[in-house]
Each structure stands twice: as C-alpha cells, then as structure tokens.
Amino acid sequence: MKIDNKIANYEISQQITKSAQNINDGQQLLDSQKNQEIKSESRDAIVNLSQASKDRLLASEAIASVPDVREDKVAEIKDQIESGTYGMDNEAVADKMVGSFIDELF
C-alpha cells in the first residue's frame, strides 16, 4: 500500500478550509449577537412580574397604608380602663411573664 502525498495534502487542506469556515461562522455569530445586544440596550426595558411578586407588592402597599397605632383600639381600651370595666386574665399574664423569664435563662 502506497500513501500518496497529494491525497494527504488534499485531506489536510480540506480540514483547514473547514476549520477556517467554522471560525468565520463563529465570528459572524458573535457579531450578530453583539448587534442584537446593542439594539436591545437602546430599547426601554420591559419587566414582567410574577403573580407572587404582584401579590407581595399589593400586600406591602396595603400594610404601608395602615397606621402603626390603631387609634380606635387604643381609645376603646383607655375608656374601659377609666371606667373600670377592662378585664384582664391575671393567670395568663403571669404565665407569659414566667415563660419569658425561662426563655431568657435558656
């Protein structure tokens, strides 16, 4: 079996041609991507929020519109204290105080 240099050279030149073509194709692809990026940067941004994000935004707006102190509740409790009708569960208060103290220890 005899290897002909012409055939080997032909195969090598074909491979070089294919590689050069692939490089050119890759460069063209990069150039087109850069052009698309430039075009997209010049446009206004469009943002789509998920439903969860919309719900969170709505909830935070609702919370922001409610005052920190509920004046109606405060006035009602003040009236009950002044009139002597405000009832308090002494055992529940004591349980919470002891529970809080135990939590601080451990």
Protein backbone atom coordinates (compact mmCIF):
# COMPACT_ATOMS: atom_id res chain seq x y z
CA MET A 1 0.00 0.00 0.00
CA LYS A 2 1.40 3.33 -1.04
CA ILE A 3 0.46 6.66 0.51
CA ASP A 4 0.28 9.43 -1.98
CA ASN A 5 1.35 12.84 -0.69
CA LYS A 6 -1.16 14.54 -2.99
CA ILE A 7 -4.07 12.78 -1.27
CA ALA A 8 -2.74 13.54 2.21
CA ASN A 9 -2.17 17.20 1.28
CA TYR A 10 -5.66 17.39 -0.20
CA GLU A 11 -7.22 15.99 3.01
CA ILE A 12 -5.22 18.41 5.15
CA SER A 13 -6.23 21.39 3.01
CA GLN A 14 -9.87 20.31 3.22
CA GLN A 15 -9.65 20.19 7.02
CA ILE A 16 -8.00 23.62 7.10
CA THR A 17 -10.72 25.03 4.85
CA LYS A 18 -13.47 23.57 7.09
CA SER A 19 -11.80 24.94 10.21
CA ALA A 20 -11.46 28.39 8.66
CA GLN A 21 -15.14 28.28 7.64
CA ASN A 22 -16.16 27.31 11.19
CA ILE A 23 -14.11 30.18 12.58
CA ASN A 24 -15.75 32.61 10.16
CA ASP A 25 -19.21 31.26 11.06
CA GLY A 26 -18.42 31.66 14.76
CA GLN A 27 -17.23 35.22 14.25
CA GLN A 28 -20.36 36.08 12.28
CA LEU A 29 -22.48 34.62 15.07
CA LEU A 30 -20.62 36.71 17.67
CA ASP A 31 -21.02 39.83 15.55
CA SER A 32 -24.76 39.27 15.18
CA GLN A 33 -25.10 38.69 18.93
CA LYS A 34 -23.25 41.93 19.64
CA ASN A 35 -25.55 43.79 17.24
CA GLN A 36 -28.62 42.34 18.99
CA GLU A 37 -27.22 43.35 22.39
CA ILE A 38 -26.62 46.90 21.17
CA LYS A 39 -30.15 47.07 19.76
CA SER A 40 -31.67 45.68 22.96
CA GLU A 41 -29.70 48.15 25.11
CA SER A 42 -31.09 51.07 23.17
CA ARG A 43 -34.71 49.99 23.81
CA ASP A 44 -36.65 50.53 27.02
CA ALA A 45 -36.59 47.61 29.42
CA ILE A 46 -39.75 45.54 29.70
CA VAL A 47 -40.24 43.80 33.02
CA ASN A 48 -42.81 41.11 33.68
CA LEU A 49 -43.56 40.39 37.31
CA SER A 50 -44.79 37.04 38.53
CA GLN A 51 -48.15 36.80 40.27
CA ALA A 52 -46.38 36.25 43.60
CA SER A 53 -44.41 39.48 43.11
CA LYS A 54 -47.60 41.36 42.26
CA ASP A 55 -49.31 39.95 45.38
CA ARG A 56 -46.33 40.92 47.55
CA LEU A 57 -46.33 44.44 46.13
CA LEU A 58 -50.07 44.76 46.77
CA ALA A 59 -49.69 43.47 50.34
CA SER A 60 -46.80 45.82 51.13
CA GLU A 61 -48.83 48.78 49.80
CA ALA A 62 -51.80 47.74 51.96
CA ILE A 63 -49.57 47.44 55.04
CA ALA A 64 -47.99 50.82 54.35
CA SER A 65 -51.43 52.46 54.22
CA VAL A 66 -52.40 51.16 57.69
CA PRO A 67 -51.15 53.29 60.61
CA ASP A 68 -48.78 51.70 63.14
CA VAL A 69 -51.09 52.55 66.03
CA ARG A 70 -54.77 51.71 65.81
CA GLU A 71 -56.21 54.80 67.46
CA ASP A 72 -59.71 53.30 67.68
CA LYS A 73 -58.48 50.29 69.69
CA VAL A 74 -56.32 52.45 71.96
CA ALA A 75 -59.26 54.79 72.68
CA GLU A 76 -61.56 51.83 73.41
CA ILE A 77 -59.11 50.28 75.90
CA LYS A 78 -58.47 53.67 77.56
CA ASP A 79 -62.21 54.12 78.05
CA GLN A 80 -62.51 50.62 79.57
CA ILE A 81 -59.60 51.27 81.97
CA GLU A 82 -61.03 54.64 83.06
CA SER A 83 -64.48 53.16 83.61
CA GLY A 84 -63.08 50.12 85.44
CA THR A 85 -64.56 47.59 83.01
CA TYR A 86 -61.29 46.46 81.46
CA GLY A 87 -60.87 42.80 82.24
CA MET A 88 -57.53 41.12 82.45
CA ASP A 89 -56.67 37.43 82.87
CA ASN A 90 -54.10 37.56 85.67
CA GLU A 91 -53.08 33.93 85.21
CA ALA A 92 -52.40 34.41 81.51
CA VAL A 93 -50.24 37.46 82.26
CA ALA A 94 -48.31 35.54 84.93
CA ASP A 95 -47.80 32.56 82.59
CA LYS A 96 -46.38 34.84 79.88
CA MET A 97 -44.07 36.57 82.37
CA VAL A 98 -42.71 33.27 83.69
CA GLY A 99 -42.40 31.86 80.15
CA SER A 100 -40.47 34.93 79.04
CA PHE A 101 -38.16 34.66 82.06
CA ILE A 102 -37.48 30.97 81.38
CA ASP A 103 -36.75 31.72 77.70
CA GLU A 104 -34.16 34.31 78.76
CA LEU A 105 -32.43 31.79 81.03
CA PHE A 106 -32.02 29.17 78.33
